[in-house]
Amino acid sequence: MKAFRCRVCDAALYFENYLCTTCGTSQGFSRDERSIVPLTAEGGYVDATGARWTVCANAGIAGCTWLAAEGNQLCFSCSLTRTRPHHDDAVGMTQYVVAERAKRHVIVELDTLGFPINPRSEDNPTGLAFDLLSSVAENVIIGHDNGLITIDVAESDIAHREKVRAKLDEPYRTMLGHFRHELGHYFGMEEDDLPF
């Protein structure tokens, strides 16, 4: 992930920054501009076209730093999540934050590589969507089915992931890797063919 600069004071910013630690300006990620942009005191942003943006409703729930178009509660990345752990599942919700962070990274990778991301809808039933499920109370199978990618958020836990990696004799296992692998199925590519 590339580094960014604060547009107010030119200090270094990183992809997950929601605040410039140098000047204190609130920040948000603009997918359209592929940049971190300064926000008003109310958490808003107006881009060069005059479009208005606001902080994603998942900022407090999933640590999301992306901006949502005015009138939408969720940013583009968060809107792709169809199902998440129940708010009463404290373990699952903690793991969900890590899963959403990995998903945001992979969405930027797809954008950078020019892959089209067509969300699932009534008019596009095989469009992309994610079920980020907690295996605290049920068995979750990671996979892809006609555009729906299911991820077990327990994979965000290093100890759990290492146990599974050793059991399956894998060279590595990461949350970001799960997203990349399943997106390879979605785009009809073999894992070795993926450009990311």
Protein backbone atom coordinates (compact mmCIF):
# COMPACT_ATOMS: atom_id res chain seq x y z
CA MET A 1 0.00 0.00 0.00
CA LYS A 2 1.36 3.37 -0.95
CA ALA A 3 1.98 6.14 1.55
CA PHE A 4 -0.08 9.31 1.41
CA ARG A 5 0.49 12.95 2.40
CA CYS A 6 -1.75 15.19 4.46
CA ARG A 7 -3.19 17.88 2.18
CA VAL A 8 -3.16 20.34 5.07
CA CYS A 9 0.39 20.02 6.46
CA ASP A 10 2.11 17.56 4.05
CA ALA A 11 2.90 15.06 6.84
CA ALA A 12 3.03 11.35 6.02
CA LEU A 13 -0.26 9.45 6.22
CA TYR A 14 -0.91 5.75 5.89
CA PHE A 15 -3.88 3.88 4.46
CA GLU A 16 -5.65 3.34 7.81
CA ASN A 17 -5.13 6.90 9.11
CA TYR A 18 -8.31 8.71 10.12
CA LEU A 19 -6.39 11.61 11.66
CA CYS A 20 -3.19 13.44 10.80
CA THR A 21 -1.04 13.04 13.91
CA THR A 22 0.93 16.15 12.97
CA CYS A 23 -1.79 18.77 12.42
CA GLY A 24 -4.80 16.95 13.93
CA THR A 25 -6.95 17.17 10.79
CA SER A 26 -9.56 14.40 10.43
CA GLN A 27 -8.99 12.32 7.32
CA GLY A 28 -10.96 9.93 5.13
CA PHE A 29 -10.13 7.70 2.18
CA SER A 30 -11.69 8.75 -1.12
CA ARG A 31 -11.97 5.72 -3.41
CA ASP A 32 -12.74 7.98 -6.38
CA GLU A 33 -9.58 10.02 -5.83
CA ARG A 34 -7.60 7.06 -4.48
CA SER A 35 -6.29 9.39 -1.83
CA ILE A 36 -6.69 10.31 1.81
CA VAL A 37 -8.48 13.64 2.02
CA PRO A 38 -9.05 16.15 4.84
CA LEU A 39 -12.50 16.30 6.40
CA THR A 40 -14.46 19.19 7.81
CA ALA A 41 -15.18 19.34 11.54
CA GLU A 42 -18.54 17.67 10.76
CA GLY A 43 -16.80 14.76 8.99
CA GLY A 44 -17.64 15.84 5.46
CA TYR A 45 -15.75 16.29 2.22
CA VAL A 46 -16.61 17.97 -1.09
CA ASP A 47 -14.61 16.71 -4.07
CA ALA A 48 -13.56 18.68 -7.17
CA THR A 49 -16.83 17.80 -8.96
CA GLY A 50 -18.91 19.17 -6.08
CA ALA A 51 -19.99 15.72 -4.89
CA ARG A 52 -20.42 15.50 -1.13
CA TRP A 53 -19.01 12.69 0.97
CA THR A 54 -19.25 11.72 4.62
CA VAL A 55 -17.62 9.29 7.04
CA CYS A 56 -18.73 5.67 6.59
CA ALA A 57 -21.24 4.45 9.19
CA ASN A 58 -18.84 1.56 9.91
CA ALA A 59 -16.14 3.92 11.20
CA GLY A 60 -16.91 3.05 14.80
CA ILE A 61 -17.95 -0.56 14.14
CA ALA A 62 -15.21 -1.76 11.78
CA GLY A 63 -12.61 1.00 11.95
CA CYS A 64 -13.52 2.04 8.42
CA THR A 65 -11.75 5.18 7.19
CA TRP A 66 -13.47 5.34 3.79
CA LEU A 67 -15.95 7.96 2.68
CA ALA A 68 -19.55 7.26 1.71
CA ALA A 69 -21.38 9.25 -0.94
CA GLU A 70 -23.87 11.70 0.55
CA GLY A 71 -27.14 9.88 1.11
CA ASN A 72 -25.43 6.52 1.66
CA GLN A 73 -24.55 5.25 5.10
CA LEU A 74 -21.82 2.89 3.95
CA CYS A 75 -18.74 3.36 1.79
CA PHE A 76 -18.27 1.23 -1.31
CA SER A 77 -16.17 -1.41 0.47
CA CYS A 78 -18.49 -1.81 3.46
CA SER A 79 -21.54 -1.92 1.19
CA LEU A 80 -20.15 -5.13 -0.35
CA THR A 81 -20.51 -6.93 3.00
CA ARG A 82 -23.84 -8.70 3.05
CA THR A 83 -23.49 -10.38 6.45
CA ARG A 84 -21.29 -9.68 9.46
CA PRO A 85 -21.09 -11.10 13.01
CA HIS A 86 -23.92 -10.19 15.37
CA HIS A 87 -23.08 -7.24 17.62
CA ASP A 88 -23.48 -9.52 20.68
CA ASP A 89 -20.62 -11.73 19.41
CA ALA A 90 -17.70 -9.82 21.01
CA VAL A 91 -15.04 -12.18 19.64
CA GLY A 92 -16.54 -12.19 16.15
CA MET A 93 -16.88 -8.41 16.10
CA THR A 94 -13.23 -7.96 17.08
CA GLN A 95 -12.21 -10.34 14.29
CA TYR A 96 -14.59 -8.61 11.87
CA VAL A 97 -12.59 -5.37 12.19
CA VAL A 98 -9.47 -7.17 10.90
CA ALA A 99 -11.42 -8.83 8.07
CA GLU A 100 -12.89 -5.51 6.90
CA ARG A 101 -9.43 -3.95 6.96
CA ALA A 102 -8.10 -6.73 4.71
CA LYS A 103 -11.11 -6.32 2.40
CA ARG A 104 -10.43 -2.60 2.01
CA HIS A 105 -6.84 -3.38 1.05
CA VAL A 106 -7.90 -5.90 -1.58
CA ILE A 107 -10.52 -3.52 -3.04
CA VAL A 108 -7.78 -0.92 -3.57
CA GLU A 109 -5.59 -3.61 -5.18
CA LEU A 110 -8.42 -4.53 -7.55
CA ASP A 111 -8.97 -0.86 -8.40
CA THR A 112 -5.26 -0.36 -9.01
CA LEU A 113 -5.16 -3.37 -11.36
CA GLY A 114 -8.29 -2.22 -13.20
CA PHE A 115 -10.55 -5.11 -12.22
CA PRO A 116 -14.24 -4.19 -12.45
CA ILE A 117 -16.10 -4.53 -9.16
CA ASN A 118 -19.79 -4.98 -9.80
CA PRO A 119 -21.74 -5.25 -6.54
CA ARG A 120 -24.48 -7.83 -6.07
CA SER A 121 -27.99 -6.44 -6.46
CA GLU A 122 -31.44 -7.55 -7.58
CA ASP A 123 -30.44 -6.68 -11.14
CA ASN A 124 -27.03 -8.35 -10.76
CA PRO A 125 -27.54 -11.51 -8.66
CA THR A 126 -24.04 -12.83 -9.41
CA GLY A 127 -22.32 -9.57 -8.53
CA LEU A 128 -19.72 -9.39 -5.79
CA ALA A 129 -20.76 -9.63 -2.14
CA PHE A 130 -19.17 -10.85 1.08
CA ASP A 131 -20.44 -12.83 4.04
CA LEU A 132 -17.95 -12.23 6.87
CA LEU A 133 -19.08 -14.84 9.35
CA SER A 134 -18.05 -15.75 12.88
CA SER A 135 -17.27 -19.40 13.66
CA VAL A 136 -17.69 -18.80 17.40
CA ALA A 137 -21.09 -20.54 17.40
CA GLU A 138 -21.21 -22.23 13.99
CA ASN A 139 -18.99 -23.92 11.43
CA VAL A 140 -17.97 -21.52 8.64
CA ILE A 141 -16.56 -22.73 5.34
CA ILE A 142 -14.47 -20.23 3.39
CA GLY A 143 -15.41 -20.19 -0.27
CA HIS A 144 -16.91 -18.58 -3.35
CA ASP A 145 -20.33 -19.22 -4.86
CA ASN A 146 -21.51 -17.19 -7.87
CA GLY A 147 -20.06 -13.91 -6.64
CA LEU A 148 -20.70 -14.46 -2.93
CA ILE A 149 -17.45 -14.81 -1.00
CA THR A 150 -17.66 -16.29 2.50
CA ILE A 151 -14.84 -15.65 4.95
CA ASP A 152 -14.47 -16.98 8.50
CA VAL A 153 -13.45 -13.93 10.53
CA ALA A 154 -11.68 -16.27 12.99
CA GLU A 155 -8.88 -16.31 10.39
CA SER A 156 -7.94 -12.85 11.68
CA ASP A 157 -6.72 -14.50 14.89
CA ILE A 158 -3.02 -15.32 14.46
CA ALA A 159 -3.08 -18.37 16.75
CA HIS A 160 -6.12 -19.86 15.00
CA ARG A 161 -4.68 -19.17 11.57
CA GLU A 162 -1.29 -20.70 12.46
CA LYS A 163 -2.97 -23.82 13.85
CA VAL A 164 -4.92 -24.29 10.60
CA ARG A 165 -1.86 -23.47 8.48
CA ALA A 166 0.21 -26.14 10.25
CA LYS A 167 -2.61 -28.69 10.05
CA LEU A 168 -2.96 -28.14 6.31
CA ASP A 169 0.83 -27.93 5.80
CA GLU A 170 0.52 -24.57 4.03
CA PRO A 171 3.56 -22.30 3.54
CA TYR A 172 1.57 -19.25 4.63
CA ARG A 173 -2.00 -18.24 5.50
CA THR A 174 -3.30 -14.68 5.83
CA MET A 175 -6.65 -12.91 5.93
CA LEU A 176 -5.67 -10.85 2.88
CA GLY A 177 -4.65 -14.10 1.17
CA HIS A 178 -8.13 -15.56 1.71
CA PHE A 179 -9.73 -12.57 0.03
CA ARG A 180 -7.26 -12.74 -2.88
CA HIS A 181 -7.78 -16.48 -3.31
CA GLU A 182 -11.58 -16.31 -3.34
CA LEU A 183 -11.54 -13.26 -5.62
CA GLY A 184 -9.42 -15.34 -8.00
CA HIS A 185 -12.34 -17.77 -8.20
CA TYR A 186 -14.75 -14.88 -8.71
CA PHE A 187 -12.72 -13.45 -11.58
CA GLY A 188 -12.22 -16.95 -13.01
CA MET A 189 -8.49 -17.16 -12.43
CA GLU A 190 -6.27 -19.74 -10.86
CA GLU A 191 -4.34 -18.60 -7.79
CA ASP A 192 -1.02 -18.67 -9.70
CA ASP A 193 -2.52 -16.38 -12.37
CA LEU A 194 -3.58 -13.64 -9.96
CA PRO A 195 -1.75 -10.38 -10.58
CA PHE A 196 -1.88 -9.40 -6.87
